[in-house]
Amino acid sequence: MVKKDLTGKTFVWHLVCSRQGFKQVLRGQCDELGGGNDVAVRGSGLKTSNRVGCPTWVVLKWGHEGRFVVHLLEIRHTHPLCSDASRSFMWSNYNMDAIHLNFVASCAKANIGPSKSFKLCSELVGGFSNIGATRNNFRNLKGDLLPLIKGADAQMVIDKFRGRQERCGDFLFDYAADVEEQLCRLFWMDRVTRKSYACFGDVMSFDTTCDTNKYKLVFVPFTGIENHKRCVVFGVGLLANEDVASYVWLLENFKRALGSEPICTVTDQNLAMRVAAP
């Protein structure tokens, strides 16, 4: 509540607790609700009120020094300032440290997003209240990690594929870099895609998608149709340029990995693709 003079300038300012006073209850409904002032009526609906008549307040008056001064003060609260369920959301209880950073980074390596990593962390520590952070903190922390891996993300992908190839001999991949040592071509396939090609590789679709991500790489899947008319993947490629040399490189890796060609290949009207796959 504020008080203003004739010129519209505020000279008294009352600050009260958010749980000050009591909500009014319509007469005739107190008996139905069991009495008391813990339920407020707004229109035709009922809404639980958290007001308990807390007497805490501060009265500020405009002083001669050109600033507000404390005139009256009551700091005694008649209720807990924060519930146990909401205590973890207070800024003073946020405790983002190196442990959270390492956990989010490890989840990112396993292709786990910040929301799922937040839920996983709550299971490890015994509840959301024990994490010391919120889901938004995990998302912001994930965003802070991105500048740290800038310039090394392509090498991280290559290292990940090499580790997978060492663990599984059926996983095959190849890549190429341009004159600026940037990743421009990438091809890979695993055991499942090889088996799918052996069973349903008579007819293959070889098409590209739009380069919608920030890396400007074209996604090139090799797909087919199974007996239940569902799509299956035979291999995957990423290309920086849709030229004849890139498509020839990709098709050569595909043939070398599988050792054979499909009987029929379906493509779009891309001229470079038509030249590379006659």
C-alpha atoms as a PDB file:
ATOM      1  CA  MET A   1       0.000   0.000   0.000  1.00  0.00           C
ATOM      2  CA  VAL A   2       1.269   3.463  -0.855  1.00  0.00           C
ATOM      3  CA  LYS A   3       0.211   6.972   0.042  1.00  0.00           C
ATOM      4  CA  LYS A   4       0.763   9.905  -2.288  1.00  0.00           C
ATOM      5  CA  ASP A   5       0.547  13.642  -1.859  1.00  0.00           C
ATOM      6  CA  LEU A   6      -1.326  16.087  -4.080  1.00  0.00           C
ATOM      7  CA  THR A   7       1.510  16.122  -6.595  1.00  0.00           C
ATOM      8  CA  GLY A   8       1.375  12.323  -6.976  1.00  0.00           C
ATOM      9  CA  LYS A   9       4.648  11.717  -5.153  1.00  0.00           C
ATOM     10  CA  THR A  10       4.779   8.696  -2.840  1.00  0.00           C
ATOM     11  CA  PHE A  11       5.656   9.590   0.740  1.00  0.00           C
ATOM     12  CA  VAL A  12       4.461   6.478   2.659  1.00  0.00           C
ATOM     13  CA  TRP A  13       5.059   2.893   1.537  1.00  0.00           C
ATOM     14  CA  HIS A  14       3.659  -0.121   3.390  1.00  0.00           C
ATOM     15  CA  LEU A  15       5.308  -3.500   2.730  1.00  0.00           C
ATOM     16  CA  VAL A  16       3.634  -6.586   4.174  1.00  0.00           C
ATOM     17  CA  CYS A  17       4.200 -10.311   4.087  1.00  0.00           C
ATOM     18  CA  SER A  18       2.548 -12.270   1.272  1.00  0.00           C
ATOM     19  CA  ARG A  19       0.697 -14.276   3.937  1.00  0.00           C
ATOM     20  CA  GLN A  20      -0.641 -11.213   5.753  1.00  0.00           C
ATOM     21  CA  GLY A  21      -4.336 -11.063   6.667  1.00  0.00           C
ATOM     22  CA  PHE A  22      -7.055 -13.567   5.885  1.00  0.00           C
ATOM     23  CA  LYS A  23      -9.102 -14.234   2.809  1.00  0.00           C
ATOM     24  CA  GLN A  24     -12.806 -13.520   3.021  1.00  0.00           C
ATOM     25  CA  VAL A  25     -15.184 -16.482   2.842  1.00  0.00           C
ATOM     26  CA  LEU A  26     -18.761 -16.009   1.633  1.00  0.00           C
ATOM     27  CA  ARG A  27     -21.383 -16.420   4.303  1.00  0.00           C
ATOM     28  CA  GLY A  28     -23.242 -19.704   4.014  1.00  0.00           C
ATOM     29  CA  GLN A  29     -20.223 -21.598   2.751  1.00  0.00           C
ATOM     30  CA  CYS A  30     -18.205 -21.575   5.949  1.00  0.00           C
ATOM     31  CA  ASP A  31     -20.230 -24.469   7.342  1.00  0.00           C
ATOM     32  CA  GLU A  32     -19.841 -26.456   4.164  1.00  0.00           C
ATOM     33  CA  LEU A  33     -16.085 -25.902   4.216  1.00  0.00           C
ATOM     34  CA  GLY A  34     -15.745 -26.704   7.886  1.00  0.00           C
ATOM     35  CA  GLY A  35     -15.248 -23.105   9.017  1.00  0.00           C
ATOM     36  CA  GLY A  36     -12.008 -21.202   9.267  1.00  0.00           C
ATOM     37  CA  ASN A  37     -10.346 -18.758   6.894  1.00  0.00           C
ATOM     38  CA  ASP A  38      -8.220 -21.187   4.902  1.00  0.00           C
ATOM     39  CA  VAL A  39     -10.408 -21.168   1.790  1.00  0.00           C
ATOM     40  CA  ALA A  40     -11.062 -18.158  -0.439  1.00  0.00           C
ATOM     41  CA  VAL A  41     -13.990 -17.835  -2.806  1.00  0.00           C
ATOM     42  CA  ARG A  42     -13.505 -16.214  -6.205  1.00  0.00           C
ATOM     43  CA  GLY A  43     -16.576 -16.153  -8.373  1.00  0.00           C
ATOM     44  CA  SER A  44     -18.167 -19.571  -8.398  1.00  0.00           C
ATOM     45  CA  GLY A  45     -14.971 -21.507  -7.616  1.00  0.00           C
ATOM     46  CA  LEU A  46     -13.019 -22.230  -4.446  1.00  0.00           C
ATOM     47  CA  LYS A  47      -9.331 -21.618  -4.061  1.00  0.00           C
ATOM     48  CA  THR A  48      -7.097 -22.552  -1.165  1.00  0.00           C
ATOM     49  CA  SER A  49      -5.503 -19.539   0.502  1.00  0.00           C
ATOM     50  CA  ASN A  50      -2.085 -19.444   2.145  1.00  0.00           C
ATOM     51  CA  ARG A  51      -2.782 -16.351   4.221  1.00  0.00           C
ATOM     52  CA  VAL A  52      -2.440 -16.959   7.960  1.00  0.00           C
ATOM     53  CA  GLY A  53      -2.557 -13.411   9.325  1.00  0.00           C
ATOM     54  CA  CYS A  54       1.193 -12.873   9.457  1.00  0.00           C
ATOM     55  CA  PRO A  55       1.901  -9.519  11.208  1.00  0.00           C
ATOM     56  CA  THR A  56       5.240  -8.828   9.494  1.00  0.00           C
ATOM     57  CA  TRP A  57       5.344  -5.390   7.868  1.00  0.00           C
ATOM     58  CA  VAL A  58       7.597  -2.455   7.074  1.00  0.00           C
ATOM     59  CA  VAL A  59       6.499   1.195   6.860  1.00  0.00           C
ATOM     60  CA  LEU A  60       8.765   3.473   4.843  1.00  0.00           C
ATOM     61  CA  LYS A  61       8.434   7.251   4.913  1.00  0.00           C
ATOM     62  CA  TRP A  62      10.044   9.850   2.727  1.00  0.00           C
ATOM     63  CA  GLY A  63      12.599  11.652   4.848  1.00  0.00           C
ATOM     64  CA  HIS A  64      14.220  15.054   4.728  1.00  0.00           C
ATOM     65  CA  GLU A  65      17.419  13.488   3.383  1.00  0.00           C
ATOM     66  CA  GLY A  66      15.692  12.802   0.071  1.00  0.00           C
ATOM     67  CA  ARG A  67      15.235   9.074   0.592  1.00  0.00           C
ATOM     68  CA  PHE A  68      12.917   6.612   2.293  1.00  0.00           C
ATOM     69  CA  VAL A  69      13.594   5.762   5.936  1.00  0.00           C
ATOM     70  CA  VAL A  70      12.173   2.934   8.043  1.00  0.00           C
ATOM     71  CA  HIS A  71       9.363   4.275  10.233  1.00  0.00           C
ATOM     72  CA  LEU A  72       7.840   1.040  11.617  1.00  0.00           C
ATOM     73  CA  LEU A  73       9.162  -2.501  11.476  1.00  0.00           C
ATOM     74  CA  GLU A  74       7.840  -5.894  12.525  1.00  0.00           C
ATOM     75  CA  ILE A  75      10.006  -8.856  11.481  1.00  0.00           C
ATOM     76  CA  ARG A  76       8.280 -11.652  13.383  1.00  0.00           C
ATOM     77  CA  HIS A  77       6.713 -14.246  11.079  1.00  0.00           C
ATOM     78  CA  THR A  78       4.051 -16.680  12.293  1.00  0.00           C
ATOM     79  CA  HIS A  79       4.794 -19.291   9.598  1.00  0.00           C
ATOM     80  CA  PRO A  80       7.803 -21.030   8.033  1.00  0.00           C
ATOM     81  CA  LEU A  81       9.415 -18.899   5.339  1.00  0.00           C
ATOM     82  CA  CYS A  82       9.898 -21.863   3.032  1.00  0.00           C
ATOM     83  CA  SER A  83       8.463 -25.366   2.960  1.00  0.00           C
ATOM     84  CA  ASP A  84      10.707 -28.394   2.827  1.00  0.00           C
ATOM     85  CA  ALA A  85       9.442 -29.252  -0.651  1.00  0.00           C
ATOM     86  CA  SER A  86      10.375 -25.802  -1.978  1.00  0.00           C
ATOM     87  CA  ARG A  87      13.645 -25.389  -0.126  1.00  0.00           C
ATOM     88  CA  SER A  88      15.713 -26.843  -2.978  1.00  0.00           C
ATOM     89  CA  PHE A  89      14.457 -24.128  -5.367  1.00  0.00           C
ATOM     90  CA  MET A  90      15.908 -21.245  -3.343  1.00  0.00           C
ATOM     91  CA  TRP A  91      18.830 -19.462  -4.959  1.00  0.00           C
ATOM     92  CA  SER A  92      20.900 -19.886  -1.826  1.00  0.00           C
ATOM     93  CA  ASN A  93      20.609 -23.682  -2.105  1.00  0.00           C
ATOM     94  CA  TYR A  94      21.744 -23.920  -5.717  1.00  0.00           C
ATOM     95  CA  ASN A  95      25.061 -25.722  -5.677  1.00  0.00           C
ATOM     96  CA  MET A  96      26.265 -26.326  -9.228  1.00  0.00           C
ATOM     97  CA  ASP A  97      29.823 -27.590  -8.969  1.00  0.00           C
ATOM     98  CA  ALA A  98      32.295 -29.726 -10.910  1.00  0.00           C
ATOM     99  CA  ILE A  99      30.346 -32.871 -10.051  1.00  0.00           C
ATOM    100  CA  HIS A 100      27.291 -31.596 -11.893  1.00  0.00           C
ATOM    101  CA  LEU A 101      29.468 -30.479 -14.805  1.00  0.00           C
ATOM    102  CA  ASN A 102      31.090 -33.905 -15.144  1.00  0.00           C
ATOM    103  CA  PHE A 103      27.719 -35.635 -14.847  1.00  0.00           C
ATOM    104  CA  VAL A 104      26.098 -33.507 -17.569  1.00  0.00           C
ATOM    105  CA  ALA A 105      29.158 -33.973 -19.798  1.00  0.00           C
ATOM    106  CA  SER A 106      29.065 -37.754 -19.324  1.00  0.00           C
ATOM    107  CA  CYS A 107      25.354 -37.844 -20.141  1.00  0.00           C
ATOM    108  CA  ALA A 108      25.961 -35.751 -23.250  1.00  0.00           C
ATOM    109  CA  LYS A 109      28.548 -38.279 -24.445  1.00  0.00           C
ATOM    110  CA  ALA A 110      25.894 -40.991 -24.079  1.00  0.00           C
ATOM    111  CA  ASN A 111      23.411 -38.845 -26.080  1.00  0.00           C
ATOM    112  CA  ILE A 112      21.335 -38.094 -22.966  1.00  0.00           C
ATOM    113  CA  GLY A 113      19.751 -34.653 -22.902  1.00  0.00           C
ATOM    114  CA  PRO A 114      19.636 -32.275 -19.916  1.00  0.00           C
ATOM    115  CA  SER A 115      16.050 -33.178 -18.965  1.00  0.00           C
ATOM    116  CA  LYS A 116      16.740 -36.905 -18.812  1.00  0.00           C
ATOM    117  CA  SER A 117      20.076 -36.336 -17.089  1.00  0.00           C
ATOM    118  CA  PHE A 118      18.248 -34.255 -14.459  1.00  0.00           C
ATOM    119  CA  LYS A 119      15.839 -37.141 -13.785  1.00  0.00           C
ATOM    120  CA  LEU A 120      18.712 -39.619 -13.716  1.00  0.00           C
ATOM    121  CA  CYS A 121      20.596 -37.474 -11.216  1.00  0.00           C
ATOM    122  CA  SER A 122      17.541 -37.319  -8.963  1.00  0.00           C
ATOM    123  CA  GLU A 123      17.439 -41.119  -8.875  1.00  0.00           C
ATOM    124  CA  LEU A 124      21.110 -41.296  -7.957  1.00  0.00           C
ATOM    125  CA  VAL A 125      20.927 -38.784  -5.093  1.00  0.00           C
ATOM    126  CA  GLY A 126      17.566 -39.886  -3.721  1.00  0.00           C
ATOM    127  CA  GLY A 127      15.188 -37.183  -4.953  1.00  0.00           C
ATOM    128  CA  PHE A 128      14.930 -33.849  -6.748  1.00  0.00           C
ATOM    129  CA  SER A 129      15.407 -31.933  -3.488  1.00  0.00           C
ATOM    130  CA  ASN A 130      18.904 -33.398  -3.072  1.00  0.00           C
ATOM    131  CA  ILE A 131      20.256 -32.380  -6.464  1.00  0.00           C
ATOM    132  CA  GLY A 132      21.002 -28.796  -5.532  1.00  0.00           C
ATOM    133  CA  ALA A 133      19.826 -27.478  -8.912  1.00  0.00           C
ATOM    134  CA  THR A 134      16.818 -27.305 -11.219  1.00  0.00           C
ATOM    135  CA  ARG A 135      16.166 -28.636 -14.697  1.00  0.00           C
ATOM    136  CA  ASN A 136      16.880 -25.196 -16.157  1.00  0.00           C
ATOM    137  CA  ASN A 137      20.275 -25.209 -14.446  1.00  0.00           C
ATOM    138  CA  PHE A 138      21.083 -28.473 -16.183  1.00  0.00           C
ATOM    139  CA  ARG A 139      19.985 -27.007 -19.505  1.00  0.00           C
ATOM    140  CA  ASN A 140      22.091 -23.901 -19.004  1.00  0.00           C
ATOM    141  CA  LEU A 141      25.033 -26.058 -18.004  1.00  0.00           C
ATOM    142  CA  LYS A 142      24.644 -28.049 -21.215  1.00  0.00           C
ATOM    143  CA  GLY A 143      24.706 -24.772 -23.130  1.00  0.00           C
ATOM    144  CA  ASP A 144      27.902 -23.743 -21.327  1.00  0.00           C
ATOM    145  CA  LEU A 145      29.584 -26.962 -22.462  1.00  0.00           C
ATOM    146  CA  LEU A 146      29.004 -26.302 -26.158  1.00  0.00           C
ATOM    147  CA  PRO A 147      31.601 -23.492 -26.488  1.00  0.00           C
ATOM    148  CA  LEU A 148      34.164 -25.750 -24.798  1.00  0.00           C
ATOM    149  CA  ILE A 149      33.922 -28.402 -27.525  1.00  0.00           C
ATOM    150  CA  LYS A 150      33.769 -25.918 -30.398  1.00  0.00           C
ATOM    151  CA  GLY A 151      36.380 -26.863 -32.980  1.00  0.00           C
ATOM    152  CA  ALA A 152      36.787 -30.394 -31.607  1.00  0.00           C
ATOM    153  CA  ASP A 153      33.313 -31.820 -32.194  1.00  0.00           C
ATOM    154  CA  ALA A 154      34.272 -33.566 -35.448  1.00  0.00           C
ATOM    155  CA  GLN A 155      37.260 -35.221 -33.784  1.00  0.00           C
ATOM    156  CA  MET A 156      35.001 -36.371 -30.963  1.00  0.00           C
ATOM    157  CA  VAL A 157      32.750 -38.109 -33.510  1.00  0.00           C
ATOM    158  CA  ILE A 158      35.712 -39.820 -35.177  1.00  0.00           C
ATOM    159  CA  ASP A 159      37.099 -40.972 -31.823  1.00  0.00           C
ATOM    160  CA  LYS A 160      33.686 -42.317 -30.844  1.00  0.00           C
ATOM    161  CA  PHE A 161      33.395 -44.285 -34.103  1.00  0.00           C
ATOM    162  CA  ARG A 162      36.909 -45.673 -33.693  1.00  0.00           C
ATOM    163  CA  GLY A 163      36.092 -46.886 -30.207  1.00  0.00           C
ATOM    164  CA  ARG A 164      32.920 -48.523 -31.466  1.00  0.00           C
ATOM    165  CA  GLN A 165      34.824 -50.195 -34.298  1.00  0.00           C
ATOM    166  CA  GLU A 166      37.334 -51.631 -31.819  1.00  0.00           C
ATOM    167  CA  ARG A 167      34.522 -53.075 -29.714  1.00  0.00           C
ATOM    168  CA  CYS A 168      32.505 -54.387 -32.674  1.00  0.00           C
ATOM    169  CA  GLY A 169      34.202 -55.629 -35.826  1.00  0.00           C
ATOM    170  CA  ASP A 170      30.989 -55.365 -37.856  1.00  0.00           C
ATOM    171  CA  PHE A 171      30.892 -51.594 -37.387  1.00  0.00           C
ATOM    172  CA  LEU A 172      32.476 -49.854 -40.362  1.00  0.00           C
ATOM    173  CA  PHE A 173      33.062 -46.185 -41.029  1.00  0.00           C
ATOM    174  CA  ASP A 174      35.160 -43.887 -43.176  1.00  0.00           C
ATOM    175  CA  TYR A 175      35.643 -40.143 -43.361  1.00  0.00           C
ATOM    176  CA  ALA A 176      37.406 -37.442 -45.326  1.00  0.00           C
ATOM    177  CA  ALA A 177      38.542 -33.902 -44.573  1.00  0.00           C
ATOM    178  CA  ASP A 178      38.903 -30.893 -46.849  1.00  0.00           C
ATOM    179  CA  VAL A 179      41.895 -28.599 -47.335  1.00  0.00           C
ATOM    180  CA  GLU A 180      40.959 -26.699 -44.163  1.00  0.00           C
ATOM    181  CA  GLU A 181      41.096 -29.925 -42.105  1.00  0.00           C
ATOM    182  CA  GLN A 182      37.339 -29.867 -41.602  1.00  0.00           C
ATOM    183  CA  LEU A 183      35.163 -32.943 -41.778  1.00  0.00           C
ATOM    184  CA  CYS A 184      33.402 -32.972 -45.164  1.00  0.00           C
ATOM    185  CA  ARG A 185      32.459 -36.638 -45.696  1.00  0.00           C
ATOM    186  CA  LEU A 186      31.395 -39.367 -43.297  1.00  0.00           C
ATOM    187  CA  PHE A 187      29.958 -42.849 -43.834  1.00  0.00           C
ATOM    188  CA  TRP A 188      29.084 -45.589 -41.349  1.00  0.00           C
ATOM    189  CA  MET A 189      27.087 -48.791 -40.921  1.00  0.00           C
ATOM    190  CA  ASP A 190      26.780 -51.414 -38.199  1.00  0.00           C
ATOM    191  CA  ARG A 191      25.789 -55.044 -37.789  1.00  0.00           C
ATOM    192  CA  VAL A 192      22.042 -54.381 -37.942  1.00  0.00           C
ATOM    193  CA  THR A 193      22.234 -52.398 -41.186  1.00  0.00           C
ATOM    194  CA  ARG A 194      24.422 -55.089 -42.795  1.00  0.00           C
ATOM    195  CA  LYS A 195      21.912 -57.794 -41.899  1.00  0.00           C
ATOM    196  CA  SER A 196      19.060 -55.643 -43.184  1.00  0.00           C
ATOM    197  CA  TYR A 197      20.839 -55.230 -46.517  1.00  0.00           C
ATOM    198  CA  ALA A 198      21.483 -58.979 -46.779  1.00  0.00           C
ATOM    199  CA  CYS A 199      17.750 -59.659 -46.355  1.00  0.00           C
ATOM    200  CA  PHE A 200      16.106 -56.709 -48.113  1.00  0.00           C
ATOM    201  CA  GLY A 201      18.830 -55.161 -50.271  1.00  0.00           C
ATOM    202  CA  ASP A 202      17.355 -55.980 -53.669  1.00  0.00           C
ATOM    203  CA  VAL A 203      15.852 -52.494 -53.991  1.00  0.00           C
ATOM    204  CA  MET A 204      17.467 -49.481 -52.345  1.00  0.00           C
ATOM    205  CA  SER A 205      16.506 -45.842 -52.065  1.00  0.00           C
ATOM    206  CA  PHE A 206      19.391 -43.379 -52.205  1.00  0.00           C
ATOM    207  CA  ASP A 207      18.201 -39.889 -51.324  1.00  0.00           C
ATOM    208  CA  THR A 208      19.324 -36.752 -49.458  1.00  0.00           C
ATOM    209  CA  THR A 209      17.690 -34.484 -46.921  1.00  0.00           C
ATOM    210  CA  CYS A 210      17.980 -30.742 -46.377  1.00  0.00           C
ATOM    211  CA  ASP A 211      20.990 -29.350 -44.540  1.00  0.00           C
ATOM    212  CA  THR A 212      19.053 -27.868 -41.647  1.00  0.00           C
ATOM    213  CA  ASN A 213      21.668 -27.980 -38.882  1.00  0.00           C
ATOM    214  CA  LYS A 214      24.398 -25.503 -38.126  1.00  0.00           C
ATOM    215  CA  TYR A 215      27.115 -27.720 -39.659  1.00  0.00           C
ATOM    216  CA  LYS A 216      25.525 -27.520 -43.131  1.00  0.00           C
ATOM    217  CA  LEU A 217      25.985 -31.259 -43.713  1.00  0.00           C
ATOM    218  CA  VAL A 218      23.607 -33.181 -45.956  1.00  0.00           C
ATOM    219  CA  PHE A 219      22.202 -36.357 -44.437  1.00  0.00           C
ATOM    220  CA  VAL A 220      22.245 -39.232 -46.948  1.00  0.00           C
ATOM    221  CA  PRO A 221      20.499 -42.443 -45.818  1.00  0.00           C
ATOM    222  CA  PHE A 222      20.514 -45.726 -47.755  1.00  0.00           C
ATOM    223  CA  THR A 223      17.080 -47.226 -47.111  1.00  0.00           C
ATOM    224  CA  GLY A 224      14.948 -50.146 -48.211  1.00  0.00           C
ATOM    225  CA  ILE A 225      11.608 -51.836 -47.525  1.00  0.00           C
ATOM    226  CA  GLU A 226      11.148 -54.966 -45.425  1.00  0.00           C
ATOM    227  CA  ASN A 227       8.446 -57.654 -45.747  1.00  0.00           C
ATOM    228  CA  HIS A 228       6.050 -55.634 -43.558  1.00  0.00           C
ATOM    229  CA  LYS A 229       6.479 -52.533 -45.783  1.00  0.00           C
ATOM    230  CA  ARG A 230       8.492 -50.680 -43.149  1.00  0.00           C
ATOM    231  CA  CYS A 231      11.655 -48.747 -43.897  1.00  0.00           C
ATOM    232  CA  VAL A 232      15.006 -50.245 -42.949  1.00  0.00           C
ATOM    233  CA  VAL A 233      18.391 -48.514 -43.040  1.00  0.00           C
ATOM    234  CA  PHE A 234      21.367 -50.013 -44.909  1.00  0.00           C
ATOM    235  CA  GLY A 235      23.877 -47.259 -44.246  1.00  0.00           C
ATOM    236  CA  VAL A 236      24.215 -43.546 -43.473  1.00  0.00           C
ATOM    237  CA  GLY A 237      26.336 -40.744 -44.851  1.00  0.00           C
ATOM    238  CA  LEU A 238      27.020 -37.075 -44.201  1.00  0.00           C
ATOM    239  CA  LEU A 239      28.288 -34.819 -46.975  1.00  0.00           C
ATOM    240  CA  ALA A 240      29.349 -31.193 -46.960  1.00  0.00           C
ATOM    241  CA  ASN A 241      28.906 -30.835 -50.751  1.00  0.00           C
ATOM    242  CA  GLU A 242      26.406 -32.417 -53.123  1.00  0.00           C
ATOM    243  CA  ASP A 243      28.844 -32.856 -55.995  1.00  0.00           C
ATOM    244  CA  VAL A 244      29.798 -35.859 -58.112  1.00  0.00           C
ATOM    245  CA  ALA A 245      33.045 -36.513 -56.220  1.00  0.00           C
ATOM    246  CA  SER A 246      31.250 -36.675 -52.868  1.00  0.00           C
ATOM    247  CA  TYR A 247      28.580 -39.067 -54.146  1.00  0.00           C
ATOM    248  CA  VAL A 248      31.189 -41.269 -55.840  1.00  0.00           C
ATOM    249  CA  TRP A 249      33.158 -41.449 -52.586  1.00  0.00           C
ATOM    250  CA  LEU A 250      30.036 -42.363 -50.651  1.00  0.00           C
ATOM    251  CA  LEU A 251      28.910 -45.065 -53.081  1.00  0.00           C
ATOM    252  CA  GLU A 252      32.383 -46.603 -53.230  1.00  0.00           C
ATOM    253  CA  ASN A 253      32.427 -46.930 -49.450  1.00  0.00           C
ATOM    254  CA  PHE A 254      28.974 -48.470 -49.542  1.00  0.00           C
ATOM    255  CA  LYS A 255      30.000 -51.077 -52.141  1.00  0.00           C
ATOM    256  CA  ARG A 256      33.283 -51.853 -50.380  1.00  0.00           C
ATOM    257  CA  ALA A 257      31.513 -52.357 -47.040  1.00  0.00           C
ATOM    258  CA  LEU A 258      28.812 -54.688 -48.396  1.00  0.00           C
ATOM    259  CA  GLY A 259      30.644 -56.297 -51.300  1.00  0.00           C
ATOM    260  CA  SER A 260      27.685 -56.092 -53.700  1.00  0.00           C
ATOM    261  CA  GLU A 261      25.284 -53.703 -55.376  1.00  0.00           C
ATOM    262  CA  PRO A 262      21.481 -53.689 -55.195  1.00  0.00           C
ATOM    263  CA  ILE A 263      19.515 -54.874 -58.189  1.00  0.00           C
ATOM    264  CA  CYS A 264      17.554 -51.621 -58.366  1.00  0.00           C
ATOM    265  CA  THR A 265      18.437 -48.196 -56.948  1.00  0.00           C
ATOM    266  CA  VAL A 266      15.857 -45.434 -56.633  1.00  0.00           C
ATOM    267  CA  THR A 267      17.134 -41.825 -56.497  1.00  0.00           C
ATOM    268  CA  ASP A 268      15.757 -38.330 -56.945  1.00  0.00           C
ATOM    269  CA  GLN A 269      16.411 -36.010 -59.892  1.00  0.00           C
ATOM    270  CA  ASN A 270      19.757 -34.746 -58.569  1.00  0.00           C
ATOM    271  CA  LEU A 271      22.142 -34.527 -61.530  1.00  0.00           C
ATOM    272  CA  ALA A 272      25.304 -35.208 -59.515  1.00  0.00           C
ATOM    273  CA  MET A 273      23.672 -38.259 -57.920  1.00  0.00           C
ATOM    274  CA  ARG A 274      22.592 -39.534 -61.343  1.00  0.00           C
ATOM    275  CA  VAL A 275      26.165 -39.279 -62.650  1.00  0.00           C
ATOM    276  CA  ALA A 276      27.657 -40.951 -59.574  1.00  0.00           C
ATOM    277  CA  ALA A 277      25.134 -43.825 -59.631  1.00  0.00           C
ATOM    278  CA  PRO A 278      24.516 -44.662 -63.315  1.00  0.00           C
END
